[in-house]
C-alpha atoms as a PDB file:
ATOM      1  CA  UNK A   1      -5.096 -16.319   7.075  1.00  0.00           C
ATOM      2  CA  UNK A   2      -1.448 -17.169   7.622  1.00  0.00           C
ATOM      3  CA  UNK A   3       0.458 -14.393   9.266  1.00  0.00           C
ATOM      4  CA  UNK A   4       3.463 -13.851  11.478  1.00  0.00           C
ATOM      5  CA  UNK A   5       5.229 -11.129  13.343  1.00  0.00           C
ATOM      6  CA  UNK A   6       8.320  -9.688  11.678  1.00  0.00           C
ATOM      7  CA  UNK A   7      10.205  -9.379  14.952  1.00  0.00           C
ATOM      8  CA  UNK A   8      10.672 -13.087  15.637  1.00  0.00           C
ATOM      9  CA  UNK A   9      13.680 -15.158  14.528  1.00  0.00           C
ATOM     10  CA  UNK A  10      13.807 -16.453  10.959  1.00  0.00           C
ATOM     11  CA  UNK A  11      10.614 -14.616  10.065  1.00  0.00           C
ATOM     12  CA  UNK A  12      12.450 -11.331  10.626  1.00  0.00           C
ATOM     13  CA  UNK A  13      14.985 -12.343   7.966  1.00  0.00           C
ATOM     14  CA  UNK A  14      12.190 -13.204   5.535  1.00  0.00           C
ATOM     15  CA  UNK A  15      10.424  -9.891   6.171  1.00  0.00           C
ATOM     16  CA  UNK A  16      13.645  -7.971   5.546  1.00  0.00           C
ATOM     17  CA  UNK A  17      14.009  -9.625   2.122  1.00  0.00           C
ATOM     18  CA  UNK A  18      10.311  -9.663   1.230  1.00  0.00           C
ATOM     19  CA  UNK A  19       9.849  -6.068   0.125  1.00  0.00           C
ATOM     20  CA  UNK A  20       9.854  -6.041  -3.664  1.00  0.00           C
ATOM     21  CA  UNK A  21       7.243  -4.122  -5.613  1.00  0.00           C
ATOM     22  CA  UNK A  22       4.654  -6.671  -6.759  1.00  0.00           C
ATOM     23  CA  UNK A  23       3.891  -4.990 -10.075  1.00  0.00           C
ATOM     24  CA  UNK A  24       1.293  -2.215 -10.100  1.00  0.00           C
ATOM     25  CA  UNK A  25       3.706   0.465 -11.332  1.00  0.00           C
ATOM     26  CA  UNK A  26       5.608  -1.873 -13.677  1.00  0.00           C
ATOM     27  CA  UNK A  27       2.426  -3.414 -15.175  1.00  0.00           C
ATOM     28  CA  UNK A  28       3.480  -6.920 -14.085  1.00  0.00           C
ATOM     29  CA  UNK A  29       0.023  -6.870 -12.511  1.00  0.00           C
ATOM     30  CA  UNK A  30      -2.230  -6.787 -15.560  1.00  0.00           C
ATOM     31  CA  UNK A  31      -5.300  -4.571 -15.950  1.00  0.00           C
ATOM     32  CA  UNK A  32      -7.536  -7.658 -15.732  1.00  0.00           C
ATOM     33  CA  UNK A  33      -6.198  -8.338 -12.217  1.00  0.00           C
ATOM     34  CA  UNK A  34      -7.379  -4.970 -10.872  1.00  0.00           C
ATOM     35  CA  UNK A  35     -11.018  -4.159 -10.157  1.00  0.00           C
ATOM     36  CA  UNK A  36     -12.974  -1.583  -8.202  1.00  0.00           C
ATOM     37  CA  UNK A  37     -16.396  -1.031  -6.727  1.00  0.00           C
ATOM     38  CA  UNK A  38     -17.048   1.796  -9.190  1.00  0.00           C
ATOM     39  CA  UNK A  39     -15.545   4.405 -11.520  1.00  0.00           C
ATOM     40  CA  UNK A  40     -16.254   8.110 -11.980  1.00  0.00           C
ATOM     41  CA  UNK A  41     -19.273   8.701 -14.258  1.00  0.00           C
ATOM     42  CA  UNK A  42     -19.467   4.899 -14.606  1.00  0.00           C
ATOM     43  CA  UNK A  43     -16.600   5.188 -17.095  1.00  0.00           C
ATOM     44  CA  UNK A  44     -14.420   2.217 -16.122  1.00  0.00           C
ATOM     45  CA  UNK A  45     -12.236   2.518 -19.211  1.00  0.00           C
ATOM     46  CA  UNK A  46     -11.215   6.093 -18.487  1.00  0.00           C
ATOM     47  CA  UNK A  47     -11.340   6.313 -14.653  1.00  0.00           C
ATOM     48  CA  UNK A  48     -11.383   2.653 -13.672  1.00  0.00           C
ATOM     49  CA  UNK A  49      -9.196   0.442 -11.565  1.00  0.00           C
ATOM     50  CA  UNK A  50      -6.498  -0.067 -14.206  1.00  0.00           C
ATOM     51  CA  UNK A  51      -5.535   3.605 -13.678  1.00  0.00           C
ATOM     52  CA  UNK A  52      -4.605   2.958 -10.002  1.00  0.00           C
ATOM     53  CA  UNK A  53      -0.877   2.507 -10.665  1.00  0.00           C
ATOM     54  CA  UNK A  54       1.727   4.236  -8.493  1.00  0.00           C
ATOM     55  CA  UNK A  55       3.422   7.160 -10.308  1.00  0.00           C
ATOM     56  CA  UNK A  56       1.041   6.946 -13.292  1.00  0.00           C
ATOM     57  CA  UNK A  57       1.256  10.356 -14.911  1.00  0.00           C
ATOM     58  CA  UNK A  58      -0.640   9.967 -18.177  1.00  0.00           C
ATOM     59  CA  UNK A  59      -4.189  11.322 -18.149  1.00  0.00           C
ATOM     60  CA  UNK A  60      -6.287  10.342 -16.322  1.00  0.00           C
ATOM     61  CA  UNK A  61      -3.674   9.846 -13.602  1.00  0.00           C
ATOM     62  CA  UNK A  62      -5.370   7.420 -11.213  1.00  0.00           C
ATOM     63  CA  UNK A  63      -8.518   5.557 -10.225  1.00  0.00           C
ATOM     64  CA  UNK A  64     -11.546   7.681  -9.328  1.00  0.00           C
ATOM     65  CA  UNK A  65     -14.566   6.120  -7.648  1.00  0.00           C
ATOM     66  CA  UNK A  66     -18.149   7.027  -8.526  1.00  0.00           C
ATOM     67  CA  UNK A  67     -19.294  10.081  -6.558  1.00  0.00           C
ATOM     68  CA  UNK A  68     -22.058   8.286  -4.636  1.00  0.00           C
ATOM     69  CA  UNK A  69     -20.185   5.007  -4.006  1.00  0.00           C
ATOM     70  CA  UNK A  70     -21.121   4.190  -0.401  1.00  0.00           C
ATOM     71  CA  UNK A  71     -18.812   1.148  -0.127  1.00  0.00           C
ATOM     72  CA  UNK A  72     -15.748   1.951  -2.228  1.00  0.00           C
ATOM     73  CA  UNK A  73     -12.872  -0.481  -2.738  1.00  0.00           C
ATOM     74  CA  UNK A  74      -9.965  -1.170  -5.054  1.00  0.00           C
ATOM     75  CA  UNK A  75      -9.098  -4.852  -5.468  1.00  0.00           C
ATOM     76  CA  UNK A  76      -5.917  -6.510  -6.722  1.00  0.00           C
ATOM     77  CA  UNK A  77      -5.769 -10.199  -7.678  1.00  0.00           C
ATOM     78  CA  UNK A  78      -2.193 -11.400  -7.344  1.00  0.00           C
ATOM     79  CA  UNK A  79      -3.182 -14.618  -9.245  1.00  0.00           C
ATOM     80  CA  UNK A  80      -1.350 -16.780  -6.719  1.00  0.00           C
ATOM     81  CA  UNK A  81      -0.756 -16.452  -2.998  1.00  0.00           C
ATOM     82  CA  UNK A  82       1.893 -13.851  -2.085  1.00  0.00           C
ATOM     83  CA  UNK A  83       3.260 -12.428   1.139  1.00  0.00           C
ATOM     84  CA  UNK A  84       2.344  -8.732   1.316  1.00  0.00           C
ATOM     85  CA  UNK A  85       4.513  -6.626   3.624  1.00  0.00           C
ATOM     86  CA  UNK A  86       3.613  -3.043   2.650  1.00  0.00           C
ATOM     87  CA  UNK A  87       1.187  -0.861   0.701  1.00  0.00           C
ATOM     88  CA  UNK A  88       2.078   2.483  -0.896  1.00  0.00           C
ATOM     89  CA  UNK A  89      -0.512   5.046  -1.988  1.00  0.00           C
ATOM     90  CA  UNK A  90      -0.621   8.315  -3.900  1.00  0.00           C
ATOM     91  CA  UNK A  91      -3.515  10.635  -4.565  1.00  0.00           C
ATOM     92  CA  UNK A  92      -5.162  11.158  -7.925  1.00  0.00           C
ATOM     93  CA  UNK A  93      -2.369  12.762  -9.938  1.00  0.00           C
ATOM     94  CA  UNK A  94      -4.219  15.863 -11.169  1.00  0.00           C
ATOM     95  CA  UNK A  95      -3.302  18.912  -9.026  1.00  0.00           C
ATOM     96  CA  UNK A  96      -6.445  20.770 -10.168  1.00  0.00           C
ATOM     97  CA  UNK A  97      -8.700  18.036  -8.745  1.00  0.00           C
ATOM     98  CA  UNK A  98      -6.964  17.786  -5.317  1.00  0.00           C
ATOM     99  CA  UNK A  99      -8.274  14.272  -4.637  1.00  0.00           C
ATOM    100  CA  UNK A 100      -6.704  11.667  -2.375  1.00  0.00           C
ATOM    101  CA  UNK A 101      -7.557   8.986   0.158  1.00  0.00           C
ATOM    102  CA  UNK A 102      -6.717  10.077   3.721  1.00  0.00           C
ATOM    103  CA  UNK A 103      -7.430   6.780   5.515  1.00  0.00           C
ATOM    104  CA  UNK A 104      -8.166   3.222   4.442  1.00  0.00           C
ATOM    105  CA  UNK A 105      -8.589  -0.346   5.642  1.00  0.00           C
ATOM    106  CA  UNK A 106      -7.269  -3.546   4.057  1.00  0.00           C
ATOM    107  CA  UNK A 107      -9.209  -6.740   3.513  1.00  0.00           C
ATOM    108  CA  UNK A 108      -7.772  -9.951   2.104  1.00  0.00           C
ATOM    109  CA  UNK A 109      -9.020 -13.183   0.604  1.00  0.00           C
ATOM    110  CA  UNK A 110      -7.530 -16.439  -0.568  1.00  0.00           C
ATOM    111  CA  UNK A 111     -10.637 -17.576  -2.487  1.00  0.00           C
ATOM    112  CA  UNK A 112     -12.246 -14.307  -3.630  1.00  0.00           C
ATOM    113  CA  UNK A 113     -15.369 -15.073  -1.584  1.00  0.00           C
ATOM    114  CA  UNK A 114     -14.518 -14.779   2.104  1.00  0.00           C
ATOM    115  CA  UNK A 115     -12.869 -11.477   3.060  1.00  0.00           C
ATOM    116  CA  UNK A 116     -10.907 -10.909   6.266  1.00  0.00           C
ATOM    117  CA  UNK A 117     -10.048  -7.476   7.655  1.00  0.00           C
ATOM    118  CA  UNK A 118      -6.383  -6.869   8.347  1.00  0.00           C
ATOM    119  CA  UNK A 119      -5.886  -6.488  12.095  1.00  0.00           C
ATOM    120  CA  UNK A 120      -3.103  -5.624  14.468  1.00  0.00           C
ATOM    121  CA  UNK A 121      -3.484  -6.452  18.158  1.00  0.00           C
ATOM    122  CA  UNK A 122      -6.987  -7.753  17.474  1.00  0.00           C
ATOM    123  CA  UNK A 123      -8.281  -4.484  15.978  1.00  0.00           C
ATOM    124  CA  UNK A 124      -8.803  -3.394  12.385  1.00  0.00           C
ATOM    125  CA  UNK A 125      -5.899  -1.164  11.462  1.00  0.00           C
ATOM    126  CA  UNK A 126      -6.845   2.143   9.913  1.00  0.00           C
ATOM    127  CA  UNK A 127      -3.982   3.146   7.640  1.00  0.00           C
ATOM    128  CA  UNK A 128      -3.009   6.780   7.196  1.00  0.00           C
ATOM    129  CA  UNK A 129      -2.952   7.600   3.506  1.00  0.00           C
ATOM    130  CA  UNK A 130      -2.181  10.782   1.663  1.00  0.00           C
ATOM    131  CA  UNK A 131      -2.234  14.518   2.306  1.00  0.00           C
ATOM    132  CA  UNK A 132      -1.798  15.627  -1.312  1.00  0.00           C
ATOM    133  CA  UNK A 133      -1.976  14.304  -4.867  1.00  0.00           C
ATOM    134  CA  UNK A 134       1.709  13.559  -5.520  1.00  0.00           C
ATOM    135  CA  UNK A 135       3.455  12.275  -2.360  1.00  0.00           C
ATOM    136  CA  UNK A 136       3.865   8.548  -1.828  1.00  0.00           C
ATOM    137  CA  UNK A 137       2.943   7.183   1.595  1.00  0.00           C
ATOM    138  CA  UNK A 138       4.172   3.662   2.327  1.00  0.00           C
ATOM    139  CA  UNK A 139       2.586   1.720   5.193  1.00  0.00           C
ATOM    140  CA  UNK A 140       4.481  -1.306   6.464  1.00  0.00           C
ATOM    141  CA  UNK A 141       2.398  -4.196   7.760  1.00  0.00           C
ATOM    142  CA  UNK A 142       3.499  -5.187  11.241  1.00  0.00           C
ATOM    143  CA  UNK A 143       2.026  -8.606  10.522  1.00  0.00           C
ATOM    144  CA  UNK A 144       2.687  -9.539   6.858  1.00  0.00           C
ATOM    145  CA  UNK A 145      -0.282 -11.179   5.179  1.00  0.00           C
ATOM    146  CA  UNK A 146      -0.400 -14.206   2.938  1.00  0.00           C
ATOM    147  CA  UNK A 147      -3.111 -13.642   0.371  1.00  0.00           C
ATOM    148  CA  UNK A 148      -4.140 -13.819  -3.255  1.00  0.00           C
ATOM    149  CA  UNK A 149      -6.617 -10.923  -3.258  1.00  0.00           C
ATOM    150  CA  UNK A 150      -6.182  -7.619  -1.478  1.00  0.00           C
ATOM    151  CA  UNK A 151      -8.737  -4.823  -1.205  1.00  0.00           C
ATOM    152  CA  UNK A 152      -7.983  -1.261  -0.253  1.00  0.00           C
ATOM    153  CA  UNK A 153     -11.124   0.178   1.343  1.00  0.00           C
ATOM    154  CA  UNK A 154     -11.113   4.009   1.534  1.00  0.00           C
ATOM    155  CA  UNK A 155     -12.601   5.387   4.784  1.00  0.00           C
ATOM    156  CA  UNK A 156     -11.927   9.127   4.381  1.00  0.00           C
ATOM    157  CA  UNK A 157     -10.762  11.316   1.519  1.00  0.00           C
ATOM    158  CA  UNK A 158     -10.142  14.851   0.321  1.00  0.00           C
ATOM    159  CA  UNK A 159     -12.800  16.110  -2.144  1.00  0.00           C
ATOM    160  CA  UNK A 160     -13.251  12.715  -3.808  1.00  0.00           C
ATOM    161  CA  UNK A 161     -11.789   9.202  -3.868  1.00  0.00           C
ATOM    162  CA  UNK A 162      -8.829   9.185  -6.216  1.00  0.00           C
ATOM    163  CA  UNK A 163      -5.736   7.061  -5.787  1.00  0.00           C
ATOM    164  CA  UNK A 164      -2.737   5.179  -7.150  1.00  0.00           C
ATOM    165  CA  UNK A 165      -1.101   2.220  -5.372  1.00  0.00           C
ATOM    166  CA  UNK A 166       1.707  -0.310  -5.215  1.00  0.00           C
ATOM    167  CA  UNK A 167       1.956  -3.476  -3.126  1.00  0.00           C
ATOM    168  CA  UNK A 168       5.234  -4.813  -1.726  1.00  0.00           C
ATOM    169  CA  UNK A 169       6.167  -8.317  -0.679  1.00  0.00           C
ATOM    170  CA  UNK A 170       7.282 -11.580  -2.288  1.00  0.00           C
END
């Protein structure tokens, strides 16, 4: 995995410019590029990964994992290698359900087979996610990652796994 620290020389300039939304909210990232470990009631069309778009407000407003999914993940295929500098999350957009991901990990892959956990200072970074269904929480990566595939791996959640996301980079 190629990576660098944003606080060194020319890389700092690149990191400052490399913060565009990569296309979840705008649908530049197509439904076929998004997958997940599961969907609520095994209904991938209604509650599946394609619903995991930041600020989606049409029903159902987000991805919901199957209730008994012991290894949940949401995966985005960027089709070609990109630099990812940040991840933004929102909870499932239905106030009545009160579902959101509180913490998550990131894993990345260049070939779709071998997955590497995102680390900072040699340790897997646990990202702090949401505290409600509507707020957006953006986590900057101290070490930008160069990847084609990115997985968001929920570790804790409120009531149930429900989320919407956007990736940033270039």
